[in-house]
Amino acid sequence: MFVRGKAPEPLDPAVVDALSKVQTSTLGHLRDHGFPRGLRPVRRPLSFVGTAFTVRLPHLDSTALHVAADEVRPGDVLVVDQSGDDRSCFGGMVAYTAAARGAVGALVAGSINDVDEILELGLPVFSAGVSARTTRILGIEGSINVGVSVGGVAINPGDVIFGDSDGVAVLGRGEALEIAGILAGKEAAEPELKEKIAVGARLSEWSGALAQFEAGLPRDPVE
């Protein structure tokens, strides 16, 4: 059986612009959830912000992914849940089609192939690895724009996918703009801090690490 859910609304351009100016690792200072595990970028540097356009595949059958590649829109990130299979569902033609339709990136909970083609194409892709073993067009089942799980993170159609050279994060649409503002504020303080460190200020004093470290040192024995 196949399922086609409703395609999500595009992101507010203000969200895309704001997140494009900050780093995923700055978010990593503030929270632990929302970071898919076990995925690596096909290349660095890279950066993208887009709307989750999700696909769920039943292991060997990539029928739904070929349909989804044709249906992604400008600004979408193709998010693929491969139901735990490690073979490749995402090769050169799928990548080319998604990019031609306007996808800004892809997140694949499985492997990829045709790496040289994908690198030449320039489409940012996070995946679990590379494999010459591939899926097939079998017409068994698959779902487009439904809730999926990628790297231990639940992703819904329309969620914000925020990726760069440090990693990839998933944000809810309603929180994305506020989070981007918080991240921008933290990053804006760094140039001044670097100037102070250059002339002798201590990073550990600024972060509070020194106070905690010294508080944890053994006390002198009482005579």
C-alpha atoms as a PDB file:
ATOM      1  CA  MET A   1       0.000   0.000   0.000  1.00  0.00           C
ATOM      2  CA  PHE A   2       1.148   3.515  -0.788  1.00  0.00           C
ATOM      3  CA  VAL A   3       0.334   6.719   1.099  1.00  0.00           C
ATOM      4  CA  ARG A   4       0.645  10.310  -0.086  1.00  0.00           C
ATOM      5  CA  GLY A   5       0.196  12.899   2.657  1.00  0.00           C
ATOM      6  CA  LYS A   6      -0.364  16.593   2.098  1.00  0.00           C
ATOM      7  CA  ALA A   7       2.751  18.488   1.083  1.00  0.00           C
ATOM      8  CA  PRO A   8       3.766  21.011   3.770  1.00  0.00           C
ATOM      9  CA  GLU A   9       3.657  24.752   3.348  1.00  0.00           C
ATOM     10  CA  PRO A  10       6.994  26.389   2.469  1.00  0.00           C
ATOM     11  CA  LEU A  11       8.957  27.991   5.276  1.00  0.00           C
ATOM     12  CA  ASP A  12       8.742  31.686   5.995  1.00  0.00           C
ATOM     13  CA  PRO A  13      11.726  33.236   4.152  1.00  0.00           C
ATOM     14  CA  ALA A  14      12.597  35.068   7.378  1.00  0.00           C
ATOM     15  CA  VAL A  15      13.214  31.701   9.082  1.00  0.00           C
ATOM     16  CA  VAL A  16      15.461  30.526   6.254  1.00  0.00           C
ATOM     17  CA  ASP A  17      17.405  33.784   6.269  1.00  0.00           C
ATOM     18  CA  ALA A  18      17.855  33.846  10.046  1.00  0.00           C
ATOM     19  CA  LEU A  19      19.016  30.230  10.367  1.00  0.00           C
ATOM     20  CA  SER A  20      21.336  30.592   7.385  1.00  0.00           C
ATOM     21  CA  LYS A  21      23.390  33.063   9.448  1.00  0.00           C
ATOM     22  CA  VAL A  22      23.984  30.832  12.509  1.00  0.00           C
ATOM     23  CA  GLN A  23      25.554  27.440  13.268  1.00  0.00           C
ATOM     24  CA  THR A  24      24.071  24.120  14.306  1.00  0.00           C
ATOM     25  CA  SER A  25      26.820  23.706  16.897  1.00  0.00           C
ATOM     26  CA  THR A  26      25.656  26.872  18.654  1.00  0.00           C
ATOM     27  CA  LEU A  27      22.287  25.161  19.065  1.00  0.00           C
ATOM     28  CA  GLY A  28      24.180  22.157  20.416  1.00  0.00           C
ATOM     29  CA  HIS A  29      25.330  24.314  23.338  1.00  0.00           C
ATOM     30  CA  LEU A  30      21.691  24.809  24.333  1.00  0.00           C
ATOM     31  CA  ARG A  31      19.911  21.484  23.766  1.00  0.00           C
ATOM     32  CA  ASP A  32      20.519  17.795  23.148  1.00  0.00           C
ATOM     33  CA  HIS A  33      17.362  16.758  21.287  1.00  0.00           C
ATOM     34  CA  GLY A  34      16.621  17.211  17.593  1.00  0.00           C
ATOM     35  CA  PHE A  35      20.011  16.109  16.254  1.00  0.00           C
ATOM     36  CA  PRO A  36      19.786  12.966  14.065  1.00  0.00           C
ATOM     37  CA  ARG A  37      22.562  10.565  15.042  1.00  0.00           C
ATOM     38  CA  GLY A  38      24.786   8.478  12.812  1.00  0.00           C
ATOM     39  CA  LEU A  39      24.601  10.723   9.741  1.00  0.00           C
ATOM     40  CA  ARG A  40      27.558  12.340   7.979  1.00  0.00           C
ATOM     41  CA  PRO A  41      27.734  14.970   5.229  1.00  0.00           C
ATOM     42  CA  VAL A  42      28.810  13.889   1.778  1.00  0.00           C
ATOM     43  CA  ARG A  43      31.101  16.928   1.685  1.00  0.00           C
ATOM     44  CA  ARG A  44      32.159  20.000   3.609  1.00  0.00           C
ATOM     45  CA  PRO A  45      31.630  22.919   3.611  1.00  0.00           C
ATOM     46  CA  LEU A  46      27.863  22.884   3.258  1.00  0.00           C
ATOM     47  CA  SER A  47      24.886  24.818   4.560  1.00  0.00           C
ATOM     48  CA  PHE A  48      21.140  24.600   4.021  1.00  0.00           C
ATOM     49  CA  VAL A  49      17.819  25.400   5.653  1.00  0.00           C
ATOM     50  CA  GLY A  50      14.602  23.945   4.288  1.00  0.00           C
ATOM     51  CA  THR A  51      11.222  22.329   4.718  1.00  0.00           C
ATOM     52  CA  ALA A  52      11.082  18.615   5.554  1.00  0.00           C
ATOM     53  CA  PHE A  53       9.524  16.673   2.658  1.00  0.00           C
ATOM     54  CA  THR A  54       9.423  13.175   4.091  1.00  0.00           C
ATOM     55  CA  VAL A  55       9.511   9.670   2.614  1.00  0.00           C
ATOM     56  CA  ARG A  56       9.269   6.319   4.403  1.00  0.00           C
ATOM     57  CA  LEU A  57      10.523   3.226   2.555  1.00  0.00           C
ATOM     58  CA  PRO A  58      10.087  -0.475   3.421  1.00  0.00           C
ATOM     59  CA  HIS A  59      13.729  -1.547   3.237  1.00  0.00           C
ATOM     60  CA  LEU A  60      14.318  -2.749  -0.338  1.00  0.00           C
ATOM     61  CA  ASP A  61      11.537  -0.891  -2.193  1.00  0.00           C
ATOM     62  CA  SER A  62      12.329   2.708  -3.232  1.00  0.00           C
ATOM     63  CA  THR A  63       9.243   3.256  -5.394  1.00  0.00           C
ATOM     64  CA  ALA A  64       7.950   6.056  -3.161  1.00  0.00           C
ATOM     65  CA  LEU A  65      11.288   7.861  -3.197  1.00  0.00           C
ATOM     66  CA  HIS A  66      11.305   8.155  -6.990  1.00  0.00           C
ATOM     67  CA  VAL A  67       7.823   9.678  -6.835  1.00  0.00           C
ATOM     68  CA  ALA A  68       8.866  12.036  -4.019  1.00  0.00           C
ATOM     69  CA  ALA A  69      11.959  13.185  -5.931  1.00  0.00           C
ATOM     70  CA  ASP A  70       9.644  14.383  -8.693  1.00  0.00           C
ATOM     71  CA  GLU A  71       7.336  16.135  -6.224  1.00  0.00           C
ATOM     72  CA  VAL A  72       9.754  18.102  -4.025  1.00  0.00           C
ATOM     73  CA  ARG A  73       9.558  21.873  -4.432  1.00  0.00           C
ATOM     74  CA  PRO A  74      12.030  24.739  -4.210  1.00  0.00           C
ATOM     75  CA  GLY A  75      13.228  25.050  -0.630  1.00  0.00           C
ATOM     76  CA  ASP A  76      12.429  21.471   0.403  1.00  0.00           C
ATOM     77  CA  VAL A  77      14.789  19.011   2.089  1.00  0.00           C
ATOM     78  CA  LEU A  78      14.137  15.412   1.059  1.00  0.00           C
ATOM     79  CA  VAL A  79      14.054  13.354   4.275  1.00  0.00           C
ATOM     80  CA  VAL A  80      14.200   9.567   3.843  1.00  0.00           C
ATOM     81  CA  ASP A  81      13.405   6.974   6.527  1.00  0.00           C
ATOM     82  CA  GLN A  82      14.633   3.626   5.191  1.00  0.00           C
ATOM     83  CA  SER A  83      13.168   1.505   7.999  1.00  0.00           C
ATOM     84  CA  GLY A  84      16.592   0.515   9.285  1.00  0.00           C
ATOM     85  CA  ASP A  85      18.012  -0.803   6.005  1.00  0.00           C
ATOM     86  CA  ASP A  86      21.619   0.109   5.216  1.00  0.00           C
ATOM     87  CA  ARG A  87      21.644  -0.291   1.436  1.00  0.00           C
ATOM     88  CA  SER A  88      21.561   2.785  -0.808  1.00  0.00           C
ATOM     89  CA  CYS A  89      18.276   4.295  -1.921  1.00  0.00           C
ATOM     90  CA  PHE A  90      19.781   7.611  -3.001  1.00  0.00           C
ATOM     91  CA  GLY A  91      21.921   7.692  -6.135  1.00  0.00           C
ATOM     92  CA  GLY A  92      22.826  10.100  -8.882  1.00  0.00           C
ATOM     93  CA  MET A  93      19.489  10.203 -10.683  1.00  0.00           C
ATOM     94  CA  VAL A  94      17.438  10.683  -7.507  1.00  0.00           C
ATOM     95  CA  ALA A  95      19.824  13.422  -6.372  1.00  0.00           C
ATOM     96  CA  TYR A  96      19.739  15.087  -9.793  1.00  0.00           C
ATOM     97  CA  THR A  97      15.944  15.006  -9.966  1.00  0.00           C
ATOM     98  CA  ALA A  98      15.524  16.419  -6.450  1.00  0.00           C
ATOM     99  CA  ALA A  99      18.007  19.204  -7.171  1.00  0.00           C
ATOM    100  CA  ALA A 100      16.345  19.977 -10.501  1.00  0.00           C
ATOM    101  CA  ARG A 101      13.010  20.390  -8.702  1.00  0.00           C
ATOM    102  CA  GLY A 102      14.592  22.837  -6.244  1.00  0.00           C
ATOM    103  CA  ALA A 103      15.500  20.720  -3.208  1.00  0.00           C
ATOM    104  CA  VAL A 104      18.148  22.422  -1.064  1.00  0.00           C
ATOM    105  CA  GLY A 105      19.359  19.241   0.623  1.00  0.00           C
ATOM    106  CA  ALA A 106      18.667  15.649   1.596  1.00  0.00           C
ATOM    107  CA  LEU A 107      18.703  13.684   4.834  1.00  0.00           C
ATOM    108  CA  VAL A 108      18.931   9.915   4.285  1.00  0.00           C
ATOM    109  CA  ALA A 109      18.622   7.334   7.071  1.00  0.00           C
ATOM    110  CA  GLY A 110      20.373   4.806   4.865  1.00  0.00           C
ATOM    111  CA  SER A 111      23.273   4.842   2.438  1.00  0.00           C
ATOM    112  CA  ILE A 112      23.923   6.697  -0.799  1.00  0.00           C
ATOM    113  CA  ASN A 113      25.693   5.749  -4.015  1.00  0.00           C
ATOM    114  CA  ASP A 114      27.009   7.556  -7.117  1.00  0.00           C
ATOM    115  CA  VAL A 115      28.980   9.744  -4.736  1.00  0.00           C
ATOM    116  CA  ASP A 116      31.046  11.399  -7.462  1.00  0.00           C
ATOM    117  CA  GLU A 117      27.854  12.458  -9.269  1.00  0.00           C
ATOM    118  CA  ILE A 118      26.367  13.853  -6.080  1.00  0.00           C
ATOM    119  CA  LEU A 119      29.557  15.766  -5.327  1.00  0.00           C
ATOM    120  CA  GLU A 120      29.609  17.210  -8.835  1.00  0.00           C
ATOM    121  CA  LEU A 121      25.948  18.147  -8.521  1.00  0.00           C
ATOM    122  CA  GLY A 122      26.644  20.038  -5.297  1.00  0.00           C
ATOM    123  CA  LEU A 123      23.486  18.934  -3.482  1.00  0.00           C
ATOM    124  CA  PRO A 124      24.130  18.841   0.297  1.00  0.00           C
ATOM    125  CA  VAL A 125      23.380  15.337   1.576  1.00  0.00           C
ATOM    126  CA  PHE A 126      23.619  13.777   5.029  1.00  0.00           C
ATOM    127  CA  SER A 127      23.524   9.966   5.082  1.00  0.00           C
ATOM    128  CA  ALA A 128      24.471   6.955   7.184  1.00  0.00           C
ATOM    129  CA  GLY A 129      27.138   5.894   4.689  1.00  0.00           C
ATOM    130  CA  VAL A 130      27.900   4.745   1.162  1.00  0.00           C
ATOM    131  CA  SER A 131      26.941   1.405  -0.396  1.00  0.00           C
ATOM    132  CA  ALA A 132      27.018  -0.219  -3.822  1.00  0.00           C
ATOM    133  CA  ARG A 133      24.043  -2.370  -2.720  1.00  0.00           C
ATOM    134  CA  THR A 134      20.918  -0.539  -3.771  1.00  0.00           C
ATOM    135  CA  THR A 135      17.160  -0.582  -3.432  1.00  0.00           C
ATOM    136  CA  ARG A 136      14.757  -1.561  -6.231  1.00  0.00           C
ATOM    137  CA  ILE A 137      11.524  -0.310  -7.770  1.00  0.00           C
ATOM    138  CA  LEU A 138       9.236  -3.103  -6.552  1.00  0.00           C
ATOM    139  CA  GLY A 139       5.858  -1.405  -6.095  1.00  0.00           C
ATOM    140  CA  ILE A 140       5.292  -2.946  -2.659  1.00  0.00           C
ATOM    141  CA  GLU A 141       4.664   0.004  -0.337  1.00  0.00           C
ATOM    142  CA  GLY A 142       5.910   3.385   0.818  1.00  0.00           C
ATOM    143  CA  SER A 143       4.697   6.717   2.163  1.00  0.00           C
ATOM    144  CA  ILE A 144       5.237  10.362   1.241  1.00  0.00           C
ATOM    145  CA  ASN A 145       4.779  13.256   3.677  1.00  0.00           C
ATOM    146  CA  VAL A 146       4.086  11.246   6.804  1.00  0.00           C
ATOM    147  CA  GLY A 147       5.860  11.241  10.144  1.00  0.00           C
ATOM    148  CA  VAL A 148       9.249   9.494   9.948  1.00  0.00           C
ATOM    149  CA  SER A 149      12.202   8.670  12.187  1.00  0.00           C
ATOM    150  CA  VAL A 150      15.741   9.558  11.159  1.00  0.00           C
ATOM    151  CA  GLY A 151      18.711   8.959  13.418  1.00  0.00           C
ATOM    152  CA  GLY A 152      16.489   8.662  16.469  1.00  0.00           C
ATOM    153  CA  VAL A 153      14.651  11.921  15.765  1.00  0.00           C
ATOM    154  CA  ALA A 154      10.958  12.087  14.875  1.00  0.00           C
ATOM    155  CA  ILE A 155      10.479  14.336  11.849  1.00  0.00           C
ATOM    156  CA  ASN A 156       7.135  15.558  10.558  1.00  0.00           C
ATOM    157  CA  PRO A 157       6.419  17.021   7.136  1.00  0.00           C
ATOM    158  CA  GLY A 158       7.049  20.754   7.312  1.00  0.00           C
ATOM    159  CA  ASP A 159       9.607  20.652  10.126  1.00  0.00           C
ATOM    160  CA  VAL A 160      12.659  22.854   9.714  1.00  0.00           C
ATOM    161  CA  ILE A 161      15.838  21.037   8.647  1.00  0.00           C
ATOM    162  CA  PHE A 162      18.920  23.077   9.509  1.00  0.00           C
ATOM    163  CA  GLY A 163      22.266  21.723   8.309  1.00  0.00           C
ATOM    164  CA  ASP A 164      25.854  22.874   8.007  1.00  0.00           C
ATOM    165  CA  SER A 165      29.401  21.517   8.195  1.00  0.00           C
ATOM    166  CA  ASP A 166      28.998  20.732  11.916  1.00  0.00           C
ATOM    167  CA  GLY A 167      25.838  18.641  11.610  1.00  0.00           C
ATOM    168  CA  VAL A 168      22.101  18.749  11.106  1.00  0.00           C
ATOM    169  CA  ALA A 169      19.235  19.683  13.411  1.00  0.00           C
ATOM    170  CA  VAL A 170      15.455  19.464  13.278  1.00  0.00           C
ATOM    171  CA  LEU A 171      13.339  22.342  14.597  1.00  0.00           C
ATOM    172  CA  GLY A 172       9.622  22.906  14.911  1.00  0.00           C
ATOM    173  CA  ARG A 173       8.311  25.660  12.682  1.00  0.00           C
ATOM    174  CA  GLY A 174       6.870  27.578  15.611  1.00  0.00           C
ATOM    175  CA  GLU A 175      10.183  27.794  17.476  1.00  0.00           C
ATOM    176  CA  ALA A 176      12.619  28.275  14.611  1.00  0.00           C
ATOM    177  CA  LEU A 177      12.675  32.062  14.374  1.00  0.00           C
ATOM    178  CA  GLU A 178      13.023  32.538  18.129  1.00  0.00           C
ATOM    179  CA  ILE A 179      15.844  29.999  18.288  1.00  0.00           C
ATOM    180  CA  ALA A 180      17.632  31.677  15.391  1.00  0.00           C
ATOM    181  CA  GLY A 181      17.555  34.940  17.340  1.00  0.00           C
ATOM    182  CA  ILE A 182      19.010  33.300  20.447  1.00  0.00           C
ATOM    183  CA  LEU A 183      21.789  31.683  18.427  1.00  0.00           C
ATOM    184  CA  ALA A 184      22.593  34.948  16.685  1.00  0.00           C
ATOM    185  CA  GLY A 185      22.889  36.687  20.036  1.00  0.00           C
ATOM    186  CA  LYS A 186      25.326  34.078  21.366  1.00  0.00           C
ATOM    187  CA  GLU A 187      27.454  34.190  18.236  1.00  0.00           C
ATOM    188  CA  ALA A 188      27.520  37.998  18.205  1.00  0.00           C
ATOM    189  CA  ALA A 189      29.337  37.972  21.558  1.00  0.00           C
ATOM    190  CA  GLU A 190      32.217  35.829  20.296  1.00  0.00           C
ATOM    191  CA  PRO A 191      34.324  38.467  18.439  1.00  0.00           C
ATOM    192  CA  GLU A 192      34.566  40.645  21.561  1.00  0.00           C
ATOM    193  CA  LEU A 193      35.458  37.617  23.698  1.00  0.00           C
ATOM    194  CA  LYS A 194      38.211  36.612  21.275  1.00  0.00           C
ATOM    195  CA  GLU A 195      39.674  40.120  21.461  1.00  0.00           C
ATOM    196  CA  LYS A 196      39.748  39.899  25.261  1.00  0.00           C
ATOM    197  CA  ILE A 197      41.371  36.453  25.210  1.00  0.00           C
ATOM    198  CA  ALA A 198      44.013  37.752  22.800  1.00  0.00           C
ATOM    199  CA  VAL A 199      45.149  40.272  25.447  1.00  0.00           C
ATOM    200  CA  GLY A 200      45.070  37.905  28.398  1.00  0.00           C
ATOM    201  CA  ALA A 201      41.472  37.284  29.487  1.00  0.00           C
ATOM    202  CA  ARG A 202      40.726  33.703  30.537  1.00  0.00           C
ATOM    203  CA  LEU A 203      38.150  31.624  28.719  1.00  0.00           C
ATOM    204  CA  SER A 204      37.570  29.533  31.833  1.00  0.00           C
ATOM    205  CA  GLU A 205      36.652  32.617  33.879  1.00  0.00           C
ATOM    206  CA  TRP A 206      34.197  33.793  31.223  1.00  0.00           C
ATOM    207  CA  SER A 207      32.521  30.378  30.946  1.00  0.00           C
ATOM    208  CA  GLY A 208      32.479  29.707  34.680  1.00  0.00           C
ATOM    209  CA  ALA A 209      34.584  26.572  34.230  1.00  0.00           C
ATOM    210  CA  LEU A 210      37.418  27.835  36.431  1.00  0.00           C
ATOM    211  CA  ALA A 211      35.136  28.501  39.404  1.00  0.00           C
ATOM    212  CA  GLN A 212      33.567  25.049  39.136  1.00  0.00           C
ATOM    213  CA  PHE A 213      36.943  23.356  38.654  1.00  0.00           C
ATOM    214  CA  GLU A 214      38.462  25.031  41.680  1.00  0.00           C
ATOM    215  CA  ALA A 215      35.362  24.330  43.761  1.00  0.00           C
ATOM    216  CA  GLY A 216      35.856  20.640  43.028  1.00  0.00           C
ATOM    217  CA  LEU A 217      39.512  20.507  44.080  1.00  0.00           C
ATOM    218  CA  PRO A 218      40.330  18.697  47.336  1.00  0.00           C
ATOM    219  CA  ARG A 219      40.397  21.030  50.278  1.00  0.00           C
ATOM    220  CA  ASP A 220      43.512  21.335  52.424  1.00  0.00           C
ATOM    221  CA  PRO A 221      43.319  18.961  55.402  1.00  0.00           C
ATOM    222  CA  VAL A 222      42.402  20.560  58.710  1.00  0.00           C
ATOM    223  CA  GLU A 223      45.303  20.421  61.190  1.00  0.00           C
END
